[in-house]
Amino acid sequence: MGIKYFKQRRKITKNSVAQTKYIPKMQLEPVVGMEEIAEMVEKKSTMSRGDILGVLSEVEVVISWMLEMGHPVKMTYLGTFYPVLEVSSVDDPQQVSSKLIKRLRCVFKPGKYLRERLKKAEFSLGDNKIREVSYKGKK
């Protein structure tokens, strides 16, 4: 089964002219958590679900620590997580300080294995209904 998508109607303004356009939009499926991942790995290995959950939990903690300390974290088949700063700029180098740092974010760059898998993904039309864009705050 492929990745499901639906048809979405969008109002796009180009050169001050509003137009209605249609795009394919990916239908997000429910989030898969560590419990589900542990069950899947348990079926493919000799480890118990509890052991797998313990390892996954520790991997999450260690990745978080490494990112907090400024280390990129490479997961061989999955890809690399990079710590990235969102900052403000100033004209004078003497004004540069930690106060210019807005926040620390994480950026993910998929590895070769994952990129190749995603290239081979298949797509299927979920339902044939056209959906409207819903903007936050709009009723």
N, C-alpha and C. Protein backbone atom coordinates (compact mmCIF):
# COMPACT_ATOMS: atom_id res chain seq x y z
N MET A 1 0.84 -1.18 0.00
CA MET A 1 0.00 0.00 0.00
C MET A 1 0.89 1.24 0.00
N GLY A 2 0.50 2.24 -0.76
CA GLY A 2 1.30 3.44 -0.88
C GLY A 2 0.92 4.52 0.12
N ILE A 3 1.61 5.63 0.04
CA ILE A 3 1.31 6.79 0.86
C ILE A 3 0.02 7.41 0.33
N LYS A 4 -0.94 7.61 1.21
CA LYS A 4 -2.23 8.16 0.78
C LYS A 4 -2.13 9.68 0.64
N TYR A 5 -2.82 10.19 -0.35
CA TYR A 5 -2.91 11.63 -0.53
C TYR A 5 -4.35 11.99 -0.87
N PHE A 6 -4.67 13.26 -0.73
CA PHE A 6 -6.00 13.74 -1.09
C PHE A 6 -5.85 15.00 -1.93
N LYS A 7 -6.95 15.42 -2.53
CA LYS A 7 -6.95 16.62 -3.36
C LYS A 7 -7.31 17.81 -2.47
N GLN A 8 -6.51 18.86 -2.54
CA GLN A 8 -6.78 20.04 -1.72
C GLN A 8 -6.94 21.27 -2.61
N ARG A 9 -8.00 22.03 -2.33
CA ARG A 9 -8.26 23.28 -3.05
C ARG A 9 -7.55 24.40 -2.28
N ARG A 10 -6.80 25.22 -3.00
CA ARG A 10 -6.08 26.34 -2.40
C ARG A 10 -6.37 27.60 -3.18
N LYS A 11 -6.46 28.70 -2.46
CA LYS A 11 -6.57 30.01 -3.10
C LYS A 11 -5.17 30.60 -3.13
N ILE A 12 -4.67 30.86 -4.32
CA ILE A 12 -3.33 31.38 -4.51
C ILE A 12 -3.42 32.74 -5.19
N THR A 13 -2.71 33.72 -4.63
CA THR A 13 -2.70 35.04 -5.24
C THR A 13 -1.39 35.21 -5.99
N LYS A 14 -1.51 35.51 -7.28
CA LYS A 14 -0.34 35.71 -8.13
C LYS A 14 -0.55 36.99 -8.91
N ASN A 15 0.37 37.94 -8.77
CA ASN A 15 0.25 39.25 -9.43
C ASN A 15 -1.07 39.92 -9.07
N SER A 16 -1.43 39.87 -7.80
CA SER A 16 -2.65 40.50 -7.26
C SER A 16 -3.94 39.88 -7.80
N VAL A 17 -3.85 38.70 -8.39
CA VAL A 17 -5.03 38.01 -8.90
C VAL A 17 -5.21 36.71 -8.11
N ALA A 18 -6.35 36.59 -7.45
CA ALA A 18 -6.64 35.38 -6.68
C ALA A 18 -7.12 34.28 -7.62
N GLN A 19 -6.53 33.10 -7.47
CA GLN A 19 -6.91 31.96 -8.30
C GLN A 19 -7.16 30.75 -7.40
N THR A 20 -7.99 29.85 -7.86
CA THR A 20 -8.19 28.59 -7.16
C THR A 20 -7.35 27.54 -7.86
N LYS A 21 -6.53 26.83 -7.08
CA LYS A 21 -5.68 25.77 -7.61
C LYS A 21 -5.92 24.50 -6.79
N TYR A 22 -5.50 23.39 -7.34
CA TYR A 22 -5.64 22.10 -6.65
C TYR A 22 -4.28 21.43 -6.57
N ILE A 23 -4.00 20.83 -5.42
CA ILE A 23 -2.72 20.15 -5.22
C ILE A 23 -2.95 18.80 -4.55
N PRO A 24 -2.04 17.85 -4.76
CA PRO A 24 -2.10 16.63 -3.96
C PRO A 24 -1.46 16.92 -2.60
N LYS A 25 -2.09 16.51 -1.53
CA LYS A 25 -1.59 16.75 -0.18
C LYS A 25 -1.52 15.41 0.55
N MET A 26 -0.39 15.14 1.19
CA MET A 26 -0.21 13.87 1.88
C MET A 26 -1.15 13.75 3.07
N GLN A 27 -1.77 12.61 3.19
CA GLN A 27 -2.62 12.32 4.33
C GLN A 27 -1.75 11.71 5.42
N LEU A 28 -1.56 12.44 6.51
CA LEU A 28 -0.73 11.92 7.60
C LEU A 28 -1.48 10.82 8.33
N GLU A 29 -0.80 9.74 8.57
CA GLU A 29 -1.35 8.62 9.33
C GLU A 29 -1.06 8.85 10.81
N PRO A 30 -1.65 8.05 11.70
CA PRO A 30 -1.38 8.23 13.13
C PRO A 30 0.11 8.09 13.45
N VAL A 31 0.54 8.82 14.47
CA VAL A 31 1.94 8.78 14.91
C VAL A 31 2.26 7.38 15.42
N VAL A 32 3.43 6.88 15.07
CA VAL A 32 3.90 5.58 15.56
C VAL A 32 4.86 5.86 16.70
N GLY A 33 4.56 5.33 17.87
CA GLY A 33 5.38 5.56 19.05
C GLY A 33 6.35 4.43 19.32
N MET A 34 7.08 4.57 20.42
CA MET A 34 8.09 3.56 20.77
C MET A 34 7.47 2.20 21.04
N GLU A 35 6.27 2.16 21.61
CA GLU A 35 5.62 0.87 21.87
C GLU A 35 5.43 0.08 20.57
N GLU A 36 4.91 0.76 19.55
CA GLU A 36 4.68 0.09 18.27
C GLU A 36 6.00 -0.32 17.61
N ILE A 37 6.98 0.56 17.69
CA ILE A 37 8.30 0.23 17.12
C ILE A 37 8.89 -0.97 17.85
N ALA A 38 8.79 -0.98 19.17
CA ALA A 38 9.32 -2.09 19.96
C ALA A 38 8.65 -3.41 19.58
N GLU A 39 7.35 -3.37 19.37
CA GLU A 39 6.63 -4.59 18.98
C GLU A 39 7.10 -5.09 17.61
N MET A 40 7.31 -4.16 16.68
CA MET A 40 7.77 -4.55 15.34
C MET A 40 9.17 -5.14 15.40
N VAL A 41 10.06 -4.52 16.17
CA VAL A 41 11.43 -5.02 16.28
C VAL A 41 11.44 -6.36 17.00
N GLU A 42 10.59 -6.51 18.01
CA GLU A 42 10.50 -7.77 18.76
C GLU A 42 10.19 -8.94 17.83
N LYS A 43 9.30 -8.70 16.87
CA LYS A 43 8.90 -9.76 15.94
C LYS A 43 10.04 -10.14 14.99
N LYS A 44 10.99 -9.23 14.77
CA LYS A 44 12.08 -9.48 13.84
C LYS A 44 13.39 -9.84 14.54
N SER A 45 13.37 -9.94 15.87
CA SER A 45 14.62 -10.20 16.58
C SER A 45 14.40 -11.19 17.72
N THR A 46 15.44 -11.46 18.45
CA THR A 46 15.35 -12.36 19.60
C THR A 46 15.21 -11.57 20.90
N MET A 47 15.16 -10.24 20.80
CA MET A 47 15.04 -9.41 22.00
C MET A 47 13.58 -9.29 22.43
N SER A 48 13.38 -9.06 23.72
CA SER A 48 12.02 -8.87 24.23
C SER A 48 11.59 -7.42 24.03
N ARG A 49 10.28 -7.20 24.05
CA ARG A 49 9.74 -5.86 23.90
C ARG A 49 10.28 -4.92 24.97
N GLY A 50 10.38 -5.41 26.20
CA GLY A 50 10.89 -4.60 27.31
C GLY A 50 12.34 -4.18 27.09
N ASP A 51 13.17 -5.12 26.60
CA ASP A 51 14.57 -4.78 26.33
C ASP A 51 14.66 -3.72 25.24
N ILE A 52 13.85 -3.89 24.21
CA ILE A 52 13.88 -2.95 23.08
C ILE A 52 13.42 -1.57 23.54
N LEU A 53 12.34 -1.51 24.35
CA LEU A 53 11.86 -0.23 24.87
C LEU A 53 12.92 0.45 25.71
N GLY A 54 13.63 -0.33 26.51
CA GLY A 54 14.71 0.22 27.34
C GLY A 54 15.81 0.83 26.49
N VAL A 55 16.21 0.11 25.46
CA VAL A 55 17.27 0.61 24.57
C VAL A 55 16.80 1.85 23.83
N LEU A 56 15.60 1.82 23.26
CA LEU A 56 15.08 2.98 22.53
C LEU A 56 14.99 4.21 23.43
N SER A 57 14.55 4.00 24.66
CA SER A 57 14.43 5.10 25.61
C SER A 57 15.79 5.72 25.90
N GLU A 58 16.80 4.89 26.10
CA GLU A 58 18.16 5.40 26.36
C GLU A 58 18.74 6.08 25.13
N VAL A 59 18.45 5.56 23.94
CA VAL A 59 18.93 6.19 22.70
C VAL A 59 18.35 7.60 22.60
N GLU A 60 17.06 7.76 22.90
CA GLU A 60 16.44 9.09 22.87
C GLU A 60 17.14 10.05 23.83
N VAL A 61 17.41 9.59 25.03
CA VAL A 61 18.06 10.43 26.04
C VAL A 61 19.47 10.83 25.60
N VAL A 62 20.24 9.87 25.10
CA VAL A 62 21.61 10.15 24.69
C VAL A 62 21.64 11.09 23.49
N ILE A 63 20.75 10.89 22.52
CA ILE A 63 20.69 11.80 21.37
C ILE A 63 20.37 13.21 21.85
N SER A 64 19.44 13.35 22.76
CA SER A 64 19.09 14.67 23.30
C SER A 64 20.29 15.32 23.97
N TRP A 65 21.02 14.58 24.78
CA TRP A 65 22.21 15.12 25.46
C TRP A 65 23.24 15.60 24.44
N MET A 66 23.49 14.77 23.45
CA MET A 66 24.51 15.11 22.46
C MET A 66 24.12 16.38 21.69
N LEU A 67 22.85 16.49 21.31
CA LEU A 67 22.39 17.69 20.61
C LEU A 67 22.50 18.93 21.50
N GLU A 68 22.17 18.78 22.79
CA GLU A 68 22.28 19.89 23.74
C GLU A 68 23.72 20.36 23.89
N MET A 69 24.68 19.48 23.66
CA MET A 69 26.09 19.83 23.78
C MET A 69 26.69 20.25 22.43
N GLY A 70 25.86 20.32 21.38
CA GLY A 70 26.32 20.80 20.10
C GLY A 70 26.86 19.74 19.16
N HIS A 71 26.65 18.46 19.46
CA HIS A 71 27.14 17.38 18.61
C HIS A 71 26.08 16.97 17.59
N PRO A 72 26.41 16.89 16.31
CA PRO A 72 25.50 16.21 15.37
C PRO A 72 25.49 14.72 15.72
N VAL A 73 24.36 14.07 15.54
CA VAL A 73 24.24 12.65 15.85
C VAL A 73 23.86 11.90 14.58
N LYS A 74 24.73 10.97 14.16
CA LYS A 74 24.50 10.21 12.94
C LYS A 74 24.00 8.81 13.29
N MET A 75 22.81 8.50 12.77
CA MET A 75 22.25 7.15 12.87
C MET A 75 22.46 6.56 11.47
N THR A 76 23.29 5.57 11.35
CA THR A 76 23.81 5.08 10.07
C THR A 76 22.77 5.01 8.96
N TYR A 77 21.69 4.30 9.17
CA TYR A 77 20.71 4.10 8.11
C TYR A 77 19.65 5.19 8.07
N LEU A 78 19.38 5.77 9.21
CA LEU A 78 18.33 6.78 9.31
C LEU A 78 18.78 8.14 8.80
N GLY A 79 19.89 8.64 9.32
CA GLY A 79 20.38 9.95 8.92
C GLY A 79 21.03 10.65 10.08
N THR A 80 21.22 11.96 9.95
CA THR A 80 21.93 12.74 10.95
C THR A 80 21.04 13.85 11.50
N PHE A 81 21.06 13.99 12.82
CA PHE A 81 20.38 15.07 13.51
C PHE A 81 21.42 16.15 13.80
N TYR A 82 21.13 17.39 13.39
CA TYR A 82 22.07 18.49 13.59
C TYR A 82 21.47 19.52 14.54
N PRO A 83 22.25 19.98 15.54
CA PRO A 83 21.77 21.10 16.35
C PRO A 83 21.97 22.40 15.56
N VAL A 84 20.99 23.27 15.58
CA VAL A 84 21.03 24.52 14.81
C VAL A 84 20.53 25.65 15.70
N LEU A 85 21.24 26.78 15.66
CA LEU A 85 20.81 27.95 16.44
C LEU A 85 19.98 28.89 15.58
N GLU A 86 18.91 29.43 16.15
CA GLU A 86 18.18 30.54 15.55
C GLU A 86 18.69 31.78 16.27
N VAL A 87 19.20 32.74 15.50
CA VAL A 87 19.87 33.90 16.10
C VAL A 87 19.41 35.21 15.48
N SER A 88 19.70 36.29 16.16
CA SER A 88 19.53 37.64 15.63
C SER A 88 20.90 38.13 15.22
N SER A 89 20.93 39.12 14.33
CA SER A 89 22.21 39.65 13.88
C SER A 89 22.40 41.08 14.39
N VAL A 90 23.66 41.50 14.46
CA VAL A 90 24.03 42.86 14.84
C VAL A 90 25.10 43.35 13.87
N ASP A 91 25.31 44.68 13.83
CA ASP A 91 26.29 45.27 12.92
C ASP A 91 27.70 45.23 13.47
N ASP A 92 27.83 45.25 14.79
CA ASP A 92 29.15 45.35 15.43
C ASP A 92 29.53 44.01 16.07
N PRO A 93 30.71 43.46 15.76
CA PRO A 93 31.11 42.19 16.37
C PRO A 93 31.22 42.25 17.89
N GLN A 94 31.41 43.44 18.43
CA GLN A 94 31.50 43.59 19.89
C GLN A 94 30.14 43.34 20.56
N GLN A 95 29.06 43.42 19.80
CA GLN A 95 27.71 43.22 20.34
C GLN A 95 27.27 41.76 20.33
N VAL A 96 28.07 40.89 19.74
CA VAL A 96 27.70 39.47 19.67
C VAL A 96 27.80 38.86 21.06
N SER A 97 26.69 38.28 21.50
CA SER A 97 26.65 37.60 22.80
C SER A 97 25.57 36.52 22.74
N SER A 98 25.47 35.75 23.81
CA SER A 98 24.47 34.69 23.86
C SER A 98 23.04 35.24 23.87
N LYS A 99 22.89 36.53 24.15
CA LYS A 99 21.55 37.15 24.14
C LYS A 99 20.96 37.18 22.73
N LEU A 100 21.80 37.05 21.71
CA LEU A 100 21.32 37.03 20.33
C LEU A 100 20.76 35.67 19.92
N ILE A 101 20.99 34.66 20.75
CA ILE A 101 20.50 33.31 20.44
C ILE A 101 19.04 33.21 20.87
N LYS A 102 18.17 32.97 19.88
CA LYS A 102 16.73 32.88 20.16
C LYS A 102 16.37 31.50 20.70
N ARG A 103 16.88 30.46 20.01
CA ARG A 103 16.60 29.09 20.47
C ARG A 103 17.48 28.09 19.75
N LEU A 104 17.56 26.91 20.32
CA LEU A 104 18.28 25.78 19.74
C LEU A 104 17.24 24.86 19.12
N ARG A 105 17.45 24.52 17.86
CA ARG A 105 16.55 23.62 17.15
C ARG A 105 17.32 22.39 16.69
N CYS A 106 16.58 21.45 16.16
CA CYS A 106 17.19 20.24 15.61
C CYS A 106 16.74 20.10 14.16
N VAL A 107 17.71 19.87 13.27
CA VAL A 107 17.42 19.65 11.86
C VAL A 107 17.84 18.22 11.53
N PHE A 108 17.02 17.55 10.74
CA PHE A 108 17.32 16.17 10.37
C PHE A 108 17.66 16.09 8.89
N LYS A 109 18.76 15.42 8.58
CA LYS A 109 19.14 15.17 7.18
C LYS A 109 19.13 13.66 6.98
N PRO A 110 18.24 13.17 6.13
CA PRO A 110 18.17 11.71 5.94
C PRO A 110 19.46 11.15 5.35
N GLY A 111 19.80 9.94 5.75
CA GLY A 111 20.96 9.24 5.22
C GLY A 111 20.65 8.61 3.87
N LYS A 112 21.67 8.07 3.25
CA LYS A 112 21.54 7.49 1.90
C LYS A 112 20.49 6.38 1.86
N TYR A 113 20.52 5.49 2.83
CA TYR A 113 19.57 4.37 2.88
C TYR A 113 18.13 4.88 2.91
N LEU A 114 17.85 5.86 3.79
CA LEU A 114 16.49 6.39 3.91
C LEU A 114 16.10 7.17 2.66
N ARG A 115 17.01 7.95 2.10
CA ARG A 115 16.70 8.69 0.86
C ARG A 115 16.31 7.73 -0.26
N GLU A 116 17.06 6.64 -0.39
CA GLU A 116 16.75 5.65 -1.43
C GLU A 116 15.39 5.00 -1.19
N ARG A 117 15.08 4.70 0.06
CA ARG A 117 13.77 4.11 0.39
C ARG A 117 12.64 5.08 0.05
N LEU A 118 12.84 6.37 0.38
CA LEU A 118 11.80 7.36 0.12
C LEU A 118 11.59 7.59 -1.37
N LYS A 119 12.66 7.44 -2.16
CA LYS A 119 12.53 7.59 -3.62
C LYS A 119 11.62 6.51 -4.20
N LYS A 120 11.60 5.36 -3.57
CA LYS A 120 10.82 4.22 -4.07
C LYS A 120 9.39 4.19 -3.52
N ALA A 121 9.03 5.19 -2.71
CA ALA A 121 7.69 5.20 -2.11
C ALA A 121 6.62 5.26 -3.19
N GLU A 122 5.52 4.61 -2.94
CA GLU A 122 4.39 4.61 -3.86
C GLU A 122 3.27 5.44 -3.25
N PHE A 123 2.38 5.96 -4.10
CA PHE A 123 1.32 6.83 -3.65
C PHE A 123 -0.03 6.32 -4.15
N SER A 124 -1.07 6.53 -3.33
CA SER A 124 -2.41 6.14 -3.73
C SER A 124 -3.40 7.19 -3.25
N LEU A 125 -4.41 7.44 -4.07
CA LEU A 125 -5.43 8.43 -3.73
C LEU A 125 -6.30 7.86 -2.62
N GLY A 126 -6.36 8.57 -1.48
CA GLY A 126 -7.15 8.12 -0.34
C GLY A 126 -8.63 8.15 -0.66
N ASP A 127 -9.23 9.30 -0.53
CA ASP A 127 -10.62 9.45 -0.96
C ASP A 127 -10.62 10.46 -2.11
N ASN A 128 -11.68 10.51 -2.83
CA ASN A 128 -11.72 11.37 -4.02
C ASN A 128 -12.35 12.72 -3.71
N LYS A 129 -12.47 13.06 -2.41
CA LYS A 129 -13.06 14.32 -2.02
C LYS A 129 -12.02 15.44 -2.14
N ILE A 130 -12.50 16.64 -2.44
CA ILE A 130 -11.62 17.80 -2.48
C ILE A 130 -11.75 18.50 -1.13
N ARG A 131 -10.61 18.74 -0.48
CA ARG A 131 -10.61 19.37 0.84
C ARG A 131 -10.12 20.81 0.75
N GLU A 132 -10.67 21.64 1.60
CA GLU A 132 -10.30 23.05 1.66
C GLU A 132 -9.12 23.23 2.61
N VAL A 133 -8.32 24.27 2.40
CA VAL A 133 -7.27 24.63 3.33
C VAL A 133 -7.94 25.23 4.55
N SER A 134 -7.57 24.78 5.74
CA SER A 134 -8.11 25.40 6.95
C SER A 134 -6.99 26.16 7.64
N TYR A 135 -7.17 27.45 7.74
CA TYR A 135 -6.16 28.30 8.37
C TYR A 135 -6.47 28.45 9.85
N LYS A 136 -5.43 28.48 10.67
CA LYS A 136 -5.62 28.64 12.10
C LYS A 136 -6.27 30.00 12.37
N GLY A 137 -7.20 30.02 13.29
CA GLY A 137 -7.86 31.26 13.65
C GLY A 137 -9.05 31.61 12.76
N LYS A 138 -9.18 30.93 11.63
CA LYS A 138 -10.28 31.18 10.71
C LYS A 138 -11.43 30.24 11.06
N LYS A 139 -12.62 30.78 11.15
CA LYS A 139 -13.77 29.94 11.53
C LYS A 139 -14.67 29.67 10.37
